[in-house]
Amino acid sequence: AGVPAERVLLDLVAPAQAEVGERWARNEWSVAQEHAA
């Protein structure tokens, strides 16, 4: 759709991965779920 690759990495992948870590920290996700993500 024309979104620059850098923006996909920094605005999609990076914040989503940060949320993955927060869900593990809150004990909402297991270690296995965090590893899969």
PDB file of all heavy atoms in Angstrom:
ATOM      1  N   ALA A   1       0.817  -1.212   0.000  1.00  0.00           N
ATOM      2  CA  ALA A   1       0.000   0.000   0.000  1.00  0.00           C
ATOM      3  C   ALA A   1       0.852   1.266   0.000  1.00  0.00           C
ATOM      4  O   ALA A   1       0.307   2.374   0.026  1.00  0.00           O
ATOM      5  CB  ALA A   1      -0.926  -0.002   1.217  1.00  0.00           C
ATOM      6  N   GLY A   2       2.160   1.081  -0.013  1.00  0.00           N
ATOM      7  CA  GLY A   2       3.046   2.228  -0.097  1.00  0.00           C
ATOM      8  C   GLY A   2       3.636   2.693   1.215  1.00  0.00           C
ATOM      9  O   GLY A   2       4.341   3.715   1.259  1.00  0.00           O
ATOM     10  N   VAL A   3       3.388   1.976   2.308  1.00  0.00           N
ATOM     11  CA  VAL A   3       3.994   2.344   3.590  1.00  0.00           C
ATOM     12  C   VAL A   3       5.475   1.973   3.546  1.00  0.00           C
ATOM     13  O   VAL A   3       5.820   0.833   3.216  1.00  0.00           O
ATOM     14  CB  VAL A   3       3.298   1.616   4.761  1.00  0.00           C
ATOM     15  CG1 VAL A   3       3.982   1.957   6.086  1.00  0.00           C
ATOM     16  CG2 VAL A   3       1.820   1.979   4.806  1.00  0.00           C
ATOM     17  N   PRO A   4       6.383   2.895   3.859  1.00  0.00           N
ATOM     18  CA  PRO A   4       7.818   2.583   3.829  1.00  0.00           C
ATOM     19  C   PRO A   4       8.167   1.443   4.780  1.00  0.00           C
ATOM     20  O   PRO A   4       7.573   1.306   5.860  1.00  0.00           O
ATOM     21  CB  PRO A   4       8.481   3.894   4.274  1.00  0.00           C
ATOM     22  CG  PRO A   4       7.482   4.952   3.957  1.00  0.00           C
ATOM     23  CD  PRO A   4       6.140   4.320   4.177  1.00  0.00           C
ATOM     24  N   ALA A   5       9.122   0.626   4.385  1.00  0.00           N
ATOM     25  CA  ALA A   5       9.514  -0.524   5.193  1.00  0.00           C
ATOM     26  C   ALA A   5       9.941  -0.112   6.598  1.00  0.00           C
ATOM     27  O   ALA A   5       9.638  -0.794   7.586  1.00  0.00           O
ATOM     28  CB  ALA A   5      10.642  -1.289   4.494  1.00  0.00           C
ATOM     29  N   GLU A   6      10.639   1.015   6.694  1.00  0.00           N
ATOM     30  CA  GLU A   6      11.093   1.470   8.022  1.00  0.00           C
ATOM     31  C   GLU A   6       9.918   1.735   8.942  1.00  0.00           C
ATOM     32  O   GLU A   6       9.953   1.425  10.132  1.00  0.00           O
ATOM     33  CB  GLU A   6      11.959   2.719   7.873  1.00  0.00           C
ATOM     34  CG  GLU A   6      12.539   3.207   9.195  1.00  0.00           C
ATOM     35  CD  GLU A   6      13.530   4.333   9.004  1.00  0.00           C
ATOM     36  OE1 GLU A   6      14.482   4.172   8.180  1.00  0.00           O
ATOM     37  OE2 GLU A   6      13.359   5.382   9.654  1.00  0.00           O
ATOM     38  N   ARG A   7       8.859   2.304   8.407  1.00  0.00           N
ATOM     39  CA  ARG A   7       7.693   2.607   9.227  1.00  0.00           C
ATOM     40  C   ARG A   7       6.969   1.328   9.643  1.00  0.00           C
ATOM     41  O   ARG A   7       6.420   1.247  10.748  1.00  0.00           O
ATOM     42  CB  ARG A   7       6.740   3.548   8.479  1.00  0.00           C
ATOM     43  CG  ARG A   7       7.384   4.845   8.080  1.00  0.00           C
ATOM     44  CD  ARG A   7       7.297   5.926   9.144  1.00  0.00           C
ATOM     45  NE  ARG A   7       7.490   5.581  10.519  1.00  0.00           N
ATOM     46  CZ  ARG A   7       8.639   5.793  11.185  1.00  0.00           C
ATOM     47  NH1 ARG A   7       9.701   6.276  10.581  1.00  0.00           N
ATOM     48  NH2 ARG A   7       8.708   5.515  12.469  1.00  0.00           N
ATOM     49  N   VAL A   8       6.938   0.331   8.773  1.00  0.00           N
ATOM     50  CA  VAL A   8       6.328  -0.946   9.151  1.00  0.00           C
ATOM     51  C   VAL A   8       7.080  -1.552  10.327  1.00  0.00           C
ATOM     52  O   VAL A   8       6.481  -2.057  11.284  1.00  0.00           O
ATOM     53  CB  VAL A   8       6.304  -1.916   7.956  1.00  0.00           C
ATOM     54  CG1 VAL A   8       5.788  -3.294   8.393  1.00  0.00           C
ATOM     55  CG2 VAL A   8       5.432  -1.362   6.834  1.00  0.00           C
ATOM     56  N   LEU A   9       8.398  -1.483  10.284  1.00  0.00           N
ATOM     57  CA  LEU A   9       9.206  -2.040  11.370  1.00  0.00           C
ATOM     58  C   LEU A   9       9.019  -1.276  12.674  1.00  0.00           C
ATOM     59  O   LEU A   9       8.862  -1.873  13.743  1.00  0.00           O
ATOM     60  CB  LEU A   9      10.686  -2.035  10.971  1.00  0.00           C
ATOM     61  CG  LEU A   9      11.077  -2.918   9.792  1.00  0.00           C
ATOM     62  CD1 LEU A   9      12.544  -2.714   9.444  1.00  0.00           C
ATOM     63  CD2 LEU A   9      10.804  -4.393  10.094  1.00  0.00           C
ATOM     64  N   LEU A  10       9.043   0.060  12.586  1.00  0.00           N
ATOM     65  CA  LEU A  10       9.052   0.888  13.793  1.00  0.00           C
ATOM     66  C   LEU A  10       7.663   1.191  14.340  1.00  0.00           C
ATOM     67  O   LEU A  10       7.509   1.399  15.548  1.00  0.00           O
ATOM     68  CB  LEU A  10       9.783   2.202  13.511  1.00  0.00           C
ATOM     69  CG  LEU A  10      11.258   2.070  13.104  1.00  0.00           C
ATOM     70  CD1 LEU A  10      11.859   3.437  12.860  1.00  0.00           C
ATOM     71  CD2 LEU A  10      12.051   1.305  14.162  1.00  0.00           C
ATOM     72  N   ASP A  11       6.648   1.229  13.476  1.00  0.00           N
ATOM     73  CA  ASP A  11       5.302   1.605  13.919  1.00  0.00           C
ATOM     74  C   ASP A  11       4.362   0.417  14.068  1.00  0.00           C
ATOM     75  O   ASP A  11       3.261   0.568  14.630  1.00  0.00           O
ATOM     76  CB  ASP A  11       4.677   2.602  12.937  1.00  0.00           C
ATOM     77  CG  ASP A  11       5.474   3.895  12.843  1.00  0.00           C
ATOM     78  OD1 ASP A  11       6.251   4.176  13.775  1.00  0.00           O
ATOM     79  OD2 ASP A  11       5.333   4.610  11.836  1.00  0.00           O
ATOM     80  N   LEU A  12       4.768  -0.741  13.571  1.00  0.00           N
ATOM     81  CA  LEU A  12       3.921  -1.934  13.685  1.00  0.00           C
ATOM     82  C   LEU A  12       4.619  -3.014  14.505  1.00  0.00           C
ATOM     83  O   LEU A  12       4.157  -3.383  15.586  1.00  0.00           O
ATOM     84  CB  LEU A  12       3.582  -2.477  12.292  1.00  0.00           C
ATOM     85  CG  LEU A  12       2.656  -3.704  12.291  1.00  0.00           C
ATOM     86  CD1 LEU A  12       1.229  -3.273  12.612  1.00  0.00           C
ATOM     87  CD2 LEU A  12       2.703  -4.416  10.936  1.00  0.00           C
ATOM     88  N   VAL A  13       5.764  -3.491  14.028  1.00  0.00           N
ATOM     89  CA  VAL A  13       6.432  -4.617  14.678  1.00  0.00           C
ATOM     90  C   VAL A  13       6.946  -4.234  16.062  1.00  0.00           C
ATOM     91  O   VAL A  13       6.718  -4.960  17.041  1.00  0.00           O
ATOM     92  CB  VAL A  13       7.582  -5.141  13.800  1.00  0.00           C
ATOM     93  CG1 VAL A  13       8.272  -6.314  14.496  1.00  0.00           C
ATOM     94  CG2 VAL A  13       7.057  -5.564  12.435  1.00  0.00           C
ATOM     95  N   ALA A  14       7.639  -3.107  16.176  1.00  0.00           N
ATOM     96  CA  ALA A  14       8.259  -2.736  17.451  1.00  0.00           C
ATOM     97  C   ALA A  14       7.237  -2.528  18.566  1.00  0.00           C
ATOM     98  O   ALA A  14       7.367  -3.111  19.649  1.00  0.00           O
ATOM     99  CB  ALA A  14       9.135  -1.501  17.267  1.00  0.00           C
ATOM    100  N   PRO A  15       6.185  -1.706  18.367  1.00  0.00           N
ATOM    101  CA  PRO A  15       5.224  -1.533  19.465  1.00  0.00           C
ATOM    102  C   PRO A  15       4.450  -2.806  19.789  1.00  0.00           C
ATOM    103  O   PRO A  15       4.101  -3.042  20.950  1.00  0.00           O
ATOM    104  CB  PRO A  15       4.296  -0.425  18.959  1.00  0.00           C
ATOM    105  CG  PRO A  15       4.487  -0.374  17.486  1.00  0.00           C
ATOM    106  CD  PRO A  15       5.894  -0.803  17.236  1.00  0.00           C
ATOM    107  N   ALA A  16       4.185  -3.628  18.787  1.00  0.00           N
ATOM    108  CA  ALA A  16       3.483  -4.886  19.052  1.00  0.00           C
ATOM    109  C   ALA A  16       4.347  -5.799  19.914  1.00  0.00           C
ATOM    110  O   ALA A  16       3.853  -6.447  20.847  1.00  0.00           O
ATOM    111  CB  ALA A  16       3.117  -5.574  17.738  1.00  0.00           C
ATOM    112  N   GLN A  17       5.646  -5.831  19.634  1.00  0.00           N
ATOM    113  CA  GLN A  17       6.527  -6.669  20.436  1.00  0.00           C
ATOM    114  C   GLN A  17       6.645  -6.132  21.861  1.00  0.00           C
ATOM    115  O   GLN A  17       6.745  -6.904  22.817  1.00  0.00           O
ATOM    116  CB  GLN A  17       7.905  -6.765  19.785  1.00  0.00           C
ATOM    117  CG  GLN A  17       8.809  -7.820  20.410  1.00  0.00           C
ATOM    118  CD  GLN A  17       8.239  -9.228  20.305  1.00  0.00           C
ATOM    119  OE1 GLN A  17       7.435  -9.524  19.418  1.00  0.00           O
ATOM    120  NE2 GLN A  17       8.642 -10.090  21.226  1.00  0.00           N
ATOM    121  N   ALA A  18       6.625  -4.821  22.008  1.00  0.00           N
ATOM    122  CA  ALA A  18       6.630  -4.240  23.354  1.00  0.00           C
ATOM    123  C   ALA A  18       5.387  -4.663  24.123  1.00  0.00           C
ATOM    124  O   ALA A  18       5.447  -4.985  25.318  1.00  0.00           O
ATOM    125  CB  ALA A  18       6.722  -2.718  23.272  1.00  0.00           C
ATOM    126  N   GLU A  19       4.245  -4.699  23.452  1.00  0.00           N
ATOM    127  CA  GLU A  19       3.005  -5.135  24.087  1.00  0.00           C
ATOM    128  C   GLU A  19       3.077  -6.613  24.468  1.00  0.00           C
ATOM    129  O   GLU A  19       2.550  -7.024  25.520  1.00  0.00           O
ATOM    130  CB  GLU A  19       1.819  -4.881  23.163  1.00  0.00           C
ATOM    131  CG  GLU A  19       0.485  -5.390  23.677  1.00  0.00           C
ATOM    132  CD  GLU A  19       0.054  -4.773  24.999  1.00  0.00           C
ATOM    133  OE1 GLU A  19       0.539  -3.664  25.336  1.00  0.00           O
ATOM    134  OE2 GLU A  19      -0.765  -5.395  25.694  1.00  0.00           O
ATOM    135  N   VAL A  20       3.738  -7.412  23.652  1.00  0.00           N
ATOM    136  CA  VAL A  20       3.936  -8.828  23.981  1.00  0.00           C
ATOM    137  C   VAL A  20       4.670  -8.947  25.313  1.00  0.00           C
ATOM    138  O   VAL A  20       4.291  -9.731  26.195  1.00  0.00           O
ATOM    139  CB  VAL A  20       4.727  -9.538  22.861  1.00  0.00           C
ATOM    140  CG1 VAL A  20       5.204 -10.918  23.323  1.00  0.00           C
ATOM    141  CG2 VAL A  20       3.865  -9.666  21.613  1.00  0.00           C
ATOM    142  N   GLY A  21       5.739  -8.157  25.471  1.00  0.00           N
ATOM    143  CA  GLY A  21       6.482  -8.190  26.723  1.00  0.00           C
ATOM    144  C   GLY A  21       5.643  -7.747  27.903  1.00  0.00           C
ATOM    145  O   GLY A  21       5.737  -8.328  29.002  1.00  0.00           O
ATOM    146  N   GLU A  22       4.796  -6.735  27.710  1.00  0.00           N
ATOM    147  CA  GLU A  22       3.936  -6.261  28.792  1.00  0.00           C
ATOM    148  C   GLU A  22       2.917  -7.330  29.184  1.00  0.00           C
ATOM    149  O   GLU A  22       2.616  -7.494  30.372  1.00  0.00           O
ATOM    150  CB  GLU A  22       3.219  -4.978  28.360  1.00  0.00           C
ATOM    151  CG  GLU A  22       4.127  -3.766  28.248  1.00  0.00           C
ATOM    152  CD  GLU A  22       4.772  -3.413  29.576  1.00  0.00           C
ATOM    153  OE1 GLU A  22       4.080  -3.526  30.617  1.00  0.00           O
ATOM    154  OE2 GLU A  22       5.956  -3.040  29.586  1.00  0.00           O
ATOM    155  N   ARG A  23       2.394  -8.048  28.216  1.00  0.00           N
ATOM    156  CA  ARG A  23       1.413  -9.091  28.539  1.00  0.00           C
ATOM    157  C   ARG A  23       2.062 -10.225  29.313  1.00  0.00           C
ATOM    158  O   ARG A  23       1.440 -10.807  30.213  1.00  0.00           O
ATOM    159  CB  ARG A  23       0.760  -9.608  27.253  1.00  0.00           C
ATOM    160  CG  ARG A  23      -0.137  -8.576  26.590  1.00  0.00           C
ATOM    161  CD  ARG A  23      -0.891  -9.121  25.390  1.00  0.00           C
ATOM    162  NE  ARG A  23      -1.730  -8.076  24.793  1.00  0.00           N
ATOM    163  CZ  ARG A  23      -2.615  -8.290  23.840  1.00  0.00           C
ATOM    164  NH1 ARG A  23      -2.790  -9.518  23.342  1.00  0.00           N
ATOM    165  NH2 ARG A  23      -3.326  -7.287  23.353  1.00  0.00           N
ATOM    166  N   TRP A  24       3.315 -10.538  28.979  1.00  0.00           N
ATOM    167  CA  TRP A  24       4.029 -11.540  29.785  1.00  0.00           C
ATOM    168  C   TRP A  24       4.243 -11.018  31.206  1.00  0.00           C
ATOM    169  O   TRP A  24       4.027 -11.742  32.182  1.00  0.00           O
ATOM    170  CB  TRP A  24       5.375 -11.878  29.139  1.00  0.00           C
ATOM    171  CG  TRP A  24       6.199 -12.722  30.068  1.00  0.00           C
ATOM    172  CD1 TRP A  24       6.142 -14.073  30.225  1.00  0.00           C
ATOM    173  CD2 TRP A  24       7.179 -12.252  31.001  1.00  0.00           C
ATOM    174  NE1 TRP A  24       7.019 -14.487  31.206  1.00  0.00           N
ATOM    175  CE2 TRP A  24       7.663 -13.377  31.699  1.00  0.00           C
ATOM    176  CE3 TRP A  24       7.682 -10.981  31.319  1.00  0.00           C
ATOM    177  CZ2 TRP A  24       8.638 -13.282  32.693  1.00  0.00           C
ATOM    178  CZ3 TRP A  24       8.647 -10.882  32.314  1.00  0.00           C
ATOM    179  CH2 TRP A  24       9.119 -12.019  32.976  1.00  0.00           C
ATOM    180  N   ALA A  25       4.666  -9.758  31.325  1.00  0.00           N
ATOM    181  CA  ALA A  25       4.937  -9.180  32.637  1.00  0.00           C
ATOM    182  C   ALA A  25       3.683  -9.166  33.507  1.00  0.00           C
ATOM    183  O   ALA A  25       3.760  -9.359  34.734  1.00  0.00           O
ATOM    184  CB  ALA A  25       5.496  -7.771  32.490  1.00  0.00           C
ATOM    185  N   ARG A  26       2.522  -8.938  32.905  1.00  0.00           N
ATOM    186  CA  ARG A  26       1.260  -8.920  33.657  1.00  0.00           C
ATOM    187  C   ARG A  26       0.718 -10.326  33.894  1.00  0.00           C
ATOM    188  O   ARG A  26      -0.372 -10.490  34.445  1.00  0.00           O
ATOM    189  CB  ARG A  26       0.218  -8.086  32.907  1.00  0.00           C
ATOM    190  CG  ARG A  26       0.570  -6.611  32.778  1.00  0.00           C
ATOM    191  CD  ARG A  26      -0.625  -5.793  32.298  1.00  0.00           C
ATOM    192  NE  ARG A  26      -1.113  -6.203  30.987  1.00  0.00           N
ATOM    193  CZ  ARG A  26      -0.775  -5.614  29.841  1.00  0.00           C
ATOM    194  NH1 ARG A  26       0.087  -4.597  29.846  1.00  0.00           N
ATOM    195  NH2 ARG A  26      -1.278  -6.032  28.685  1.00  0.00           N
ATOM    196  N   ASN A  27       1.463 -11.337  33.467  1.00  0.00           N
ATOM    197  CA  ASN A  27       1.068 -12.736  33.617  1.00  0.00           C
ATOM    198  C   ASN A  27      -0.185 -13.070  32.821  1.00  0.00           C
ATOM    199  O   ASN A  27      -0.914 -13.999  33.153  1.00  0.00           O
ATOM    200  CB  ASN A  27       0.866 -13.109  35.093  1.00  0.00           C
ATOM    201  CG  ASN A  27       1.013 -14.604  35.343  1.00  0.00           C
ATOM    202  OD1 ASN A  27       1.771 -15.284  34.639  1.00  0.00           O
ATOM    203  ND2 ASN A  27       0.313 -15.123  36.329  1.00  0.00           N
ATOM    204  N   GLU A  28      -0.418 -12.294  31.754  1.00  0.00           N
ATOM    205  CA  GLU A  28      -1.540 -12.586  30.865  1.00  0.00           C
ATOM    206  C   GLU A  28      -1.141 -13.605  29.806  1.00  0.00           C
ATOM    207  O   GLU A  28      -2.013 -14.316  29.287  1.00  0.00           O
ATOM    208  CB  GLU A  28      -2.011 -11.291  30.195  1.00  0.00           C
ATOM    209  CG  GLU A  28      -2.563 -10.264  31.174  1.00  0.00           C
ATOM    210  CD  GLU A  28      -2.872  -8.929  30.528  1.00  0.00           C
ATOM    211  OE1 GLU A  28      -2.772  -8.839  29.274  1.00  0.00           O
ATOM    212  OE2 GLU A  28      -3.197  -7.978  31.246  1.00  0.00           O
ATOM    213  N   TRP A  29       0.129 -13.636  29.464  1.00  0.00           N
ATOM    214  CA  TRP A  29       0.654 -14.592  28.496  1.00  0.00           C
ATOM    215  C   TRP A  29       1.732 -15.439  29.158  1.00  0.00           C
ATOM    216  O   TRP A  29       2.512 -14.938  29.993  1.00  0.00           O
ATOM    217  CB  TRP A  29       1.262 -13.871  27.288  1.00  0.00           C
ATOM    218  CG  TRP A  29       0.252 -13.393  26.289  1.00  0.00           C
ATOM    219  CD1 TRP A  29      -1.090 -13.263  26.470  1.00  0.00           C
ATOM    220  CD2 TRP A  29       0.525 -12.967  24.956  1.00  0.00           C
ATOM    221  NE1 TRP A  29      -1.673 -12.785  25.323  1.00  0.00           N
ATOM    222  CE2 TRP A  29      -0.716 -12.596  24.377  1.00  0.00           C
ATOM    223  CE3 TRP A  29       1.683 -12.868  24.193  1.00  0.00           C
ATOM    224  CZ2 TRP A  29      -0.817 -12.144  23.071  1.00  0.00           C
ATOM    225  CZ3 TRP A  29       1.585 -12.411  22.889  1.00  0.00           C
ATOM    226  CH2 TRP A  29       0.347 -12.052  22.332  1.00  0.00           C
ATOM    227  N   SER A  30       1.787 -16.692  28.760  1.00  0.00           N
ATOM    228  CA  SER A  30       2.834 -17.580  29.253  1.00  0.00           C
ATOM    229  C   SER A  30       4.137 -17.324  28.507  1.00  0.00           C
ATOM    230  O   SER A  30       4.171 -16.618  27.484  1.00  0.00           O
ATOM    231  CB  SER A  30       2.417 -19.043  29.049  1.00  0.00           C
ATOM    232  OG  SER A  30       2.383 -19.344  27.651  1.00  0.00           O
ATOM    233  N   VAL A  31       5.202 -17.925  29.003  1.00  0.00           N
ATOM    234  CA  VAL A  31       6.481 -17.842  28.308  1.00  0.00           C
ATOM    235  C   VAL A  31       6.365 -18.425  26.908  1.00  0.00           C
ATOM    236  O   VAL A  31       6.915 -17.892  25.939  1.00  0.00           O
ATOM    237  CB  VAL A  31       7.579 -18.571  29.111  1.00  0.00           C
ATOM    238  CG1 VAL A  31       8.865 -18.676  28.301  1.00  0.00           C
ATOM    239  CG2 VAL A  31       7.846 -17.843  30.425  1.00  0.00           C
ATOM    240  N   ALA A  32       5.610 -19.511  26.785  1.00  0.00           N
ATOM    241  CA  ALA A  32       5.438 -20.142  25.472  1.00  0.00           C
ATOM    242  C   ALA A  32       4.746 -19.201  24.496  1.00  0.00           C
ATOM    243  O   ALA A  32       5.135 -19.097  23.323  1.00  0.00           O
ATOM    244  CB  ALA A  32       4.650 -21.440  25.612  1.00  0.00           C
ATOM    245  N   GLN A  33       3.709 -18.498  24.956  1.00  0.00           N
ATOM    246  CA  GLN A  33       3.016 -17.539  24.087  1.00  0.00           C
ATOM    247  C   GLN A  33       3.942 -16.397  23.674  1.00  0.00           C
ATOM    248  O   GLN A  33       3.935 -15.952  22.526  1.00  0.00           O
ATOM    249  CB  GLN A  33       1.785 -16.981  24.807  1.00  0.00           C
ATOM    250  CG  GLN A  33       0.638 -17.961  24.922  1.00  0.00           C
ATOM    251  CD  GLN A  33      -0.495 -17.402  25.764  1.00  0.00           C
ATOM    252  OE1 GLN A  33      -0.343 -17.166  26.965  1.00  0.00           O
ATOM    253  NE2 GLN A  33      -1.638 -17.165  25.137  1.00  0.00           N
ATOM    254  N   GLU A  34       4.731 -15.914  24.634  1.00  0.00           N
ATOM    255  CA  GLU A  34       5.678 -14.837  24.329  1.00  0.00           C
ATOM    256  C   GLU A  34       6.700 -15.298  23.305  1.00  0.00           C
ATOM    257  O   GLU A  34       7.033 -14.564  22.360  1.00  0.00           O
ATOM    258  CB  GLU A  34       6.356 -14.372  25.623  1.00  0.00           C
ATOM    259  CG  GLU A  34       7.297 -13.199  25.459  1.00  0.00           C
ATOM    260  CD  GLU A  34       8.713 -13.625  25.129  1.00  0.00           C
ATOM    261  OE1 GLU A  34       9.094 -14.751  25.518  1.00  0.00           O
ATOM    262  OE2 GLU A  34       9.435 -12.850  24.478  1.00  0.00           O
ATOM    263  N   HIS A  35       7.204 -16.526  23.452  1.00  0.00           N
ATOM    264  CA  HIS A  35       8.188 -17.047  22.498  1.00  0.00           C
ATOM    265  C   HIS A  35       7.575 -17.203  21.109  1.00  0.00           C
ATOM    266  O   HIS A  35       8.217 -16.899  20.096  1.00  0.00           O
ATOM    267  CB  HIS A  35       8.725 -18.387  22.990  1.00  0.00           C
ATOM    268  CG  HIS A  35       9.701 -18.255  24.111  1.00  0.00           C
ATOM    269  ND1 HIS A  35      10.392 -19.331  24.634  1.00  0.00           N
ATOM    270  CD2 HIS A  35      10.120 -17.174  24.802  1.00  0.00           C
ATOM    271  CE1 HIS A  35      11.179 -18.909  25.605  1.00  0.00           C
ATOM    272  NE2 HIS A  35      11.032 -17.612  25.726  1.00  0.00           N
ATOM    273  N   ALA A  36       6.331 -17.696  21.055  1.00  0.00           N
ATOM    274  CA  ALA A  36       5.673 -17.869  19.758  1.00  0.00           C
ATOM    275  C   ALA A  36       5.489 -16.521  19.062  1.00  0.00           C
ATOM    276  O   ALA A  36       5.751 -16.381  17.855  1.00  0.00           O
ATOM    277  CB  ALA A  36       4.318 -18.563  19.943  1.00  0.00           C
ATOM    278  N   ALA A  37       5.059 -15.515  19.819  1.00  0.00           N
ATOM    279  CA  ALA A  37       4.864 -14.190  19.235  1.00  0.00           C
ATOM    280  C   ALA A  37       6.179 -13.594  18.764  1.00  0.00           C
ATOM    281  O   ALA A  37       6.247 -12.965  17.702  1.00  0.00           O
ATOM    282  CB  ALA A  37       4.200 -13.268  20.255  1.00  0.00           C
TER     283      ALA A  37
END
